[in-house]
Amino acid sequence: MAIGDGLIDPYNQWDYGPVMYQFGLTDKQELERVNIQTELGRRAIEAKQCLLAHLVLDEIMGIF
């Protein structure tokens, strides 16, 4: 699966956990972890905390 335009639109780009679950690439536990990290990353973006958003969203890649 390709990541895509994370540099241009990270707020929406990182919400791919449900798709990965539908394709059978994750289980429910991993999906929940991805959803939590996605929400934390979005909150950091909204707060204009770019470094924090990067670190939080980068952890998603470590889940897989």
PDB file of N, CA and C in Angstrom:
ATOM      1  N   MET A   1       0.850  -1.163   0.000  1.00  0.00           N
ATOM      2  CA  MET A   1       0.000   0.000   0.000  1.00  0.00           C
ATOM      3  C   MET A   1       0.897   1.227   0.000  1.00  0.00           C
ATOM      4  N   ALA A   2       0.621   2.179  -0.853  1.00  0.00           N
ATOM      5  CA  ALA A   2       1.387   3.417  -0.930  1.00  0.00           C
ATOM      6  C   ALA A   2       0.812   4.431   0.044  1.00  0.00           C
ATOM      7  N   ILE A   3       1.681   5.244   0.603  1.00  0.00           N
ATOM      8  CA  ILE A   3       1.247   6.250   1.569  1.00  0.00           C
ATOM      9  C   ILE A   3       0.587   7.430   0.866  1.00  0.00           C
ATOM     10  N   GLY A   4       1.196   7.973  -0.161  1.00  0.00           N
ATOM     11  CA  GLY A   4       0.574   9.062  -0.907  1.00  0.00           C
ATOM     12  C   GLY A   4       1.063  10.426  -0.491  1.00  0.00           C
ATOM     13  N   ASP A   5       0.139  11.366  -0.342  1.00  0.00           N
ATOM     14  CA  ASP A   5       0.458  12.781  -0.181  1.00  0.00           C
ATOM     15  C   ASP A   5       0.533  13.230   1.272  1.00  0.00           C
ATOM     16  N   GLY A   6       1.284  12.520   2.085  1.00  0.00           N
ATOM     17  CA  GLY A   6       1.403  12.884   3.492  1.00  0.00           C
ATOM     18  C   GLY A   6       2.011  14.249   3.711  1.00  0.00           C
ATOM     19  N   LEU A   7       2.906  14.667   2.832  1.00  0.00           N
ATOM     20  CA  LEU A   7       3.529  15.980   2.959  1.00  0.00           C
ATOM     21  C   LEU A   7       2.528  17.085   2.668  1.00  0.00           C
ATOM     22  N   ILE A   8       1.623  16.846   1.731  1.00  0.00           N
ATOM     23  CA  ILE A   8       0.674  17.864   1.298  1.00  0.00           C
ATOM     24  C   ILE A   8      -0.569  17.894   2.182  1.00  0.00           C
ATOM     25  N   ASP A   9      -1.077  16.737   2.564  1.00  0.00           N
ATOM     26  CA  ASP A   9      -2.325  16.662   3.322  1.00  0.00           C
ATOM     27  C   ASP A   9      -2.252  15.598   4.419  1.00  0.00           C
ATOM     28  N   PRO A  10      -1.374  15.790   5.397  1.00  0.00           N
ATOM     29  CA  PRO A  10      -1.222  14.755   6.427  1.00  0.00           C
ATOM     30  C   PRO A  10      -2.471  14.561   7.276  1.00  0.00           C
ATOM     31  N   TYR A  11      -3.280  15.594   7.430  1.00  0.00           N
ATOM     32  CA  TYR A  11      -4.471  15.492   8.269  1.00  0.00           C
ATOM     33  C   TYR A  11      -5.394  14.379   7.778  1.00  0.00           C
ATOM     34  N   ASN A  12      -5.609  14.335   6.473  1.00  0.00           N
ATOM     35  CA  ASN A  12      -6.495  13.325   5.895  1.00  0.00           C
ATOM     36  C   ASN A  12      -5.759  12.080   5.422  1.00  0.00           C
ATOM     37  N   GLN A  13      -4.519  12.231   5.042  1.00  0.00           N
ATOM     38  CA  GLN A  13      -3.767  11.127   4.463  1.00  0.00           C
ATOM     39  C   GLN A  13      -3.569   9.984   5.443  1.00  0.00           C
ATOM     40  N   TRP A  14      -3.401  10.263   6.711  1.00  0.00           N
ATOM     41  CA  TRP A  14      -3.075   9.217   7.676  1.00  0.00           C
ATOM     42  C   TRP A  14      -4.269   8.390   8.105  1.00  0.00           C
ATOM     43  N   ASP A  15      -5.444   8.708   7.625  1.00  0.00           N
ATOM     44  CA  ASP A  15      -6.644   7.970   8.035  1.00  0.00           C
ATOM     45  C   ASP A  15      -6.858   6.747   7.140  1.00  0.00           C
ATOM     46  N   TYR A  16      -5.862   5.873   7.077  1.00  0.00           N
ATOM     47  CA  TYR A  16      -5.977   4.690   6.236  1.00  0.00           C
ATOM     48  C   TYR A  16      -6.122   3.405   7.044  1.00  0.00           C
ATOM     49  N   GLY A  17      -6.248   3.506   8.346  1.00  0.00           N
ATOM     50  CA  GLY A  17      -6.439   2.323   9.181  1.00  0.00           C
ATOM     51  C   GLY A  17      -7.659   1.502   8.791  1.00  0.00           C
ATOM     52  N   PRO A  18      -8.826   2.136   8.602  1.00  0.00           N
ATOM     53  CA  PRO A  18     -10.006   1.363   8.217  1.00  0.00           C
ATOM     54  C   PRO A  18      -9.838   0.621   6.885  1.00  0.00           C
ATOM     55  N   VAL A  19      -9.158   1.243   5.946  1.00  0.00           N
ATOM     56  CA  VAL A  19      -8.936   0.591   4.650  1.00  0.00           C
ATOM     57  C   VAL A  19      -8.040  -0.632   4.821  1.00  0.00           C
ATOM     58  N   MET A  20      -6.993  -0.472   5.613  1.00  0.00           N
ATOM     59  CA  MET A  20      -6.093  -1.602   5.840  1.00  0.00           C
ATOM     60  C   MET A  20      -6.827  -2.743   6.551  1.00  0.00           C
ATOM     61  N   TYR A  21      -7.725  -2.403   7.444  1.00  0.00           N
ATOM     62  CA  TYR A  21      -8.514  -3.427   8.134  1.00  0.00           C
ATOM     63  C   TYR A  21      -9.436  -4.145   7.144  1.00  0.00           C
ATOM     64  N   GLN A  22     -10.090  -3.367   6.272  1.00  0.00           N
ATOM     65  CA  GLN A  22     -10.984  -3.963   5.276  1.00  0.00           C
ATOM     66  C   GLN A  22     -10.235  -4.887   4.321  1.00  0.00           C
ATOM     67  N   PHE A  23      -8.995  -4.564   4.010  1.00  0.00           N
ATOM     68  CA  PHE A  23      -8.182  -5.408   3.128  1.00  0.00           C
ATOM     69  C   PHE A  23      -7.585  -6.604   3.864  1.00  0.00           C
ATOM     70  N   GLY A  24      -7.803  -6.675   5.173  1.00  0.00           N
ATOM     71  CA  GLY A  24      -7.280  -7.787   5.956  1.00  0.00           C
ATOM     72  C   GLY A  24      -5.809  -7.648   6.311  1.00  0.00           C
ATOM     73  N   LEU A  25      -5.278  -6.419   6.215  1.00  0.00           N
ATOM     74  CA  LEU A  25      -3.865  -6.183   6.508  1.00  0.00           C
ATOM     75  C   LEU A  25      -3.604  -5.911   7.983  1.00  0.00           C
ATOM     76  N   THR A  26      -4.662  -5.662   8.757  1.00  0.00           N
ATOM     77  CA  THR A  26      -4.536  -5.439  10.195  1.00  0.00           C
ATOM     78  C   THR A  26      -5.657  -6.188  10.909  1.00  0.00           C
ATOM     79  N   ASP A  27      -5.475  -6.360  12.207  1.00  0.00           N
ATOM     80  CA  ASP A  27      -6.563  -6.910  13.006  1.00  0.00           C
ATOM     81  C   ASP A  27      -7.206  -5.761  13.787  1.00  0.00           C
ATOM     82  N   LYS A  28      -8.224  -6.074  14.581  1.00  0.00           N
ATOM     83  CA  LYS A  28      -8.944  -5.018  15.308  1.00  0.00           C
ATOM     84  C   LYS A  28      -8.050  -4.282  16.299  1.00  0.00           C
ATOM     85  N   GLN A  29      -7.136  -5.002  16.933  1.00  0.00           N
ATOM     86  CA  GLN A  29      -6.237  -4.367  17.895  1.00  0.00           C
ATOM     87  C   GLN A  29      -5.333  -3.345  17.200  1.00  0.00           C
ATOM     88  N   GLU A  30      -4.755  -3.715  16.069  1.00  0.00           N
ATOM     89  CA  GLU A  30      -3.904  -2.781  15.325  1.00  0.00           C
ATOM     90  C   GLU A  30      -4.723  -1.607  14.805  1.00  0.00           C
ATOM     91  N   LEU A  31      -5.944  -1.883  14.347  1.00  0.00           N
ATOM     92  CA  LEU A  31      -6.815  -0.817  13.858  1.00  0.00           C
ATOM     93  C   LEU A  31      -7.068   0.207  14.956  1.00  0.00           C
ATOM     94  N   GLU A  32      -7.347  -0.255  16.157  1.00  0.00           N
ATOM     95  CA  GLU A  32      -7.592   0.663  17.276  1.00  0.00           C
ATOM     96  C   GLU A  32      -6.356   1.502  17.574  1.00  0.00           C
ATOM     97  N   ARG A  33      -5.188   0.886  17.549  1.00  0.00           N
ATOM     98  CA  ARG A  33      -3.941   1.632  17.786  1.00  0.00           C
ATOM     99  C   ARG A  33      -3.728   2.689  16.708  1.00  0.00           C
ATOM    100  N   VAL A  34      -3.979   2.330  15.454  1.00  0.00           N
ATOM    101  CA  VAL A  34      -3.825   3.288  14.355  1.00  0.00           C
ATOM    102  C   VAL A  34      -4.827   4.427  14.516  1.00  0.00           C
ATOM    103  N   ASN A  35      -6.067   4.108  14.866  1.00  0.00           N
ATOM    104  CA  ASN A  35      -7.081   5.149  15.044  1.00  0.00           C
ATOM    105  C   ASN A  35      -6.704   6.117  16.162  1.00  0.00           C
ATOM    106  N   ILE A  36      -6.152   5.603  17.251  1.00  0.00           N
ATOM    107  CA  ILE A  36      -5.726   6.462  18.358  1.00  0.00           C
ATOM    108  C   ILE A  36      -4.591   7.371  17.912  1.00  0.00           C
ATOM    109  N   GLN A  37      -3.584   6.803  17.254  1.00  0.00           N
ATOM    110  CA  GLN A  37      -2.449   7.604  16.781  1.00  0.00           C
ATOM    111  C   GLN A  37      -2.907   8.651  15.773  1.00  0.00           C
ATOM    112  N   THR A  38      -3.837   8.275  14.890  1.00  0.00           N
ATOM    113  CA  THR A  38      -4.352   9.221  13.902  1.00  0.00           C
ATOM    114  C   THR A  38      -5.022  10.396  14.597  1.00  0.00           C
ATOM    115  N   GLU A  39      -5.842  10.118  15.592  1.00  0.00           N
ATOM    116  CA  GLU A  39      -6.523  11.191  16.324  1.00  0.00           C
ATOM    117  C   GLU A  39      -5.524  12.081  17.056  1.00  0.00           C
ATOM    118  N   LEU A  40      -4.527  11.490  17.691  1.00  0.00           N
ATOM    119  CA  LEU A  40      -3.506  12.293  18.375  1.00  0.00           C
ATOM    120  C   LEU A  40      -2.745  13.163  17.378  1.00  0.00           C
ATOM    121  N   GLY A  41      -2.436  12.608  16.223  1.00  0.00           N
ATOM    122  CA  GLY A  41      -1.746  13.374  15.186  1.00  0.00           C
ATOM    123  C   GLY A  41      -2.589  14.521  14.673  1.00  0.00           C
ATOM    124  N   ARG A  42      -3.864  14.276  14.475  1.00  0.00           N
ATOM    125  CA  ARG A  42      -4.764  15.341  14.009  1.00  0.00           C
ATOM    126  C   ARG A  42      -4.869  16.460  15.043  1.00  0.00           C
ATOM    127  N   ARG A  43      -4.943  16.092  16.297  1.00  0.00           N
ATOM    128  CA  ARG A  43      -5.002  17.121  17.349  1.00  0.00           C
ATOM    129  C   ARG A  43      -3.727  17.959  17.360  1.00  0.00           C
ATOM    130  N   ALA A  44      -2.586  17.318  17.156  1.00  0.00           N
ATOM    131  CA  ALA A  44      -1.320  18.053  17.099  1.00  0.00           C
ATOM    132  C   ALA A  44      -1.296  18.987  15.898  1.00  0.00           C
ATOM    133  N   ILE A  45      -1.813  18.533  14.752  1.00  0.00           N
ATOM    134  CA  ILE A  45      -1.876  19.388  13.563  1.00  0.00           C
ATOM    135  C   ILE A  45      -2.768  20.589  13.838  1.00  0.00           C
ATOM    136  N   GLU A  46      -3.932  20.357  14.429  1.00  0.00           N
ATOM    137  CA  GLU A  46      -4.853  21.452  14.744  1.00  0.00           C
ATOM    138  C   GLU A  46      -4.213  22.462  15.688  1.00  0.00           C
ATOM    139  N   ALA A  47      -3.367  21.984  16.591  1.00  0.00           N
ATOM    140  CA  ALA A  47      -2.676  22.862  17.542  1.00  0.00           C
ATOM    141  C   ALA A  47      -1.411  23.469  16.941  1.00  0.00           C
ATOM    142  N   LYS A  48      -1.164  23.173  15.659  1.00  0.00           N
ATOM    143  CA  LYS A  48       0.015  23.672  14.940  1.00  0.00           C
ATOM    144  C   LYS A  48       1.329  23.220  15.590  1.00  0.00           C
ATOM    145  N   GLN A  49       1.301  22.030  16.162  1.00  0.00           N
ATOM    146  CA  GLN A  49       2.481  21.406  16.756  1.00  0.00           C
ATOM    147  C   GLN A  49       3.048  20.409  15.735  1.00  0.00           C
ATOM    148  N   CYS A  50       3.745  20.945  14.740  1.00  0.00           N
ATOM    149  CA  CYS A  50       4.180  20.134  13.594  1.00  0.00           C
ATOM    150  C   CYS A  50       5.141  19.011  13.976  1.00  0.00           C
ATOM    151  N   LEU A  51       6.111  19.294  14.823  1.00  0.00           N
ATOM    152  CA  LEU A  51       7.057  18.253  15.208  1.00  0.00           C
ATOM    153  C   LEU A  51       6.343  17.137  15.970  1.00  0.00           C
ATOM    154  N   LEU A  52       5.481  17.511  16.893  1.00  0.00           N
ATOM    155  CA  LEU A  52       4.719  16.510  17.640  1.00  0.00           C
ATOM    156  C   LEU A  52       3.854  15.683  16.693  1.00  0.00           C
ATOM    157  N   ALA A  53       3.191  16.337  15.745  1.00  0.00           N
ATOM    158  CA  ALA A  53       2.365  15.618  14.774  1.00  0.00           C
ATOM    159  C   ALA A  53       3.207  14.623  13.989  1.00  0.00           C
ATOM    160  N   HIS A  54       4.380  15.048  13.572  1.00  0.00           N
ATOM    161  CA  HIS A  54       5.277  14.158  12.830  1.00  0.00           C
ATOM    162  C   HIS A  54       5.649  12.938  13.675  1.00  0.00           C
ATOM    163  N   LEU A  55       6.025  13.173  14.915  1.00  0.00           N
ATOM    164  CA  LEU A  55       6.442  12.072  15.783  1.00  0.00           C
ATOM    165  C   LEU A  55       5.294  11.102  16.062  1.00  0.00           C
ATOM    166  N   VAL A  56       4.120  11.651  16.312  1.00  0.00           N
ATOM    167  CA  VAL A  56       2.956  10.811  16.611  1.00  0.00           C
ATOM    168  C   VAL A  56       2.563   9.993  15.384  1.00  0.00           C
ATOM    169  N   LEU A  57       2.475  10.650  14.230  1.00  0.00           N
ATOM    170  CA  LEU A  57       2.054   9.942  13.026  1.00  0.00           C
ATOM    171  C   LEU A  57       3.125   8.977  12.537  1.00  0.00           C
ATOM    172  N   ASP A  58       4.385   9.284  12.819  1.00  0.00           N
ATOM    173  CA  ASP A  58       5.466   8.378  12.438  1.00  0.00           C
ATOM    174  C   ASP A  58       5.369   7.056  13.200  1.00  0.00           C
ATOM    175  N   GLU A  59       4.799   7.098  14.392  1.00  0.00           N
ATOM    176  CA  GLU A  59       4.625   5.874  15.177  1.00  0.00           C
ATOM    177  C   GLU A  59       3.676   4.894  14.495  1.00  0.00           C
ATOM    178  N   ILE A  60       2.777   5.400  13.655  1.00  0.00           N
ATOM    179  CA  ILE A  60       1.864   4.513  12.934  1.00  0.00           C
ATOM    180  C   ILE A  60       2.656   3.528  12.088  1.00  0.00           C
ATOM    181  N   MET A  61       3.720   3.994  11.472  1.00  0.00           N
ATOM    182  CA  MET A  61       4.516   3.103  10.631  1.00  0.00           C
ATOM    183  C   MET A  61       5.168   2.003  11.468  1.00  0.00           C
ATOM    184  N   GLY A  62       5.462   2.295  12.720  1.00  0.00           N
ATOM    185  CA  GLY A  62       6.044   1.293  13.603  1.00  0.00           C
ATOM    186  C   GLY A  62       5.049   0.215  14.017  1.00  0.00           C
ATOM    187  N   ILE A  63       3.775   0.510  13.929  1.00  0.00           N
ATOM    188  CA  ILE A  63       2.739  -0.458  14.288  1.00  0.00           C
ATOM    189  C   ILE A  63       2.742  -1.623  13.307  1.00  0.00           C
ATOM    190  N   PHE A  64       3.057  -1.322  12.058  1.00  0.00           N
ATOM    191  CA  PHE A  64       3.027  -2.355  11.028  1.00  0.00           C
ATOM    192  C   PHE A  64       4.388  -2.941  10.865  1.00  0.00           C
TER     193      PHE A  64
END
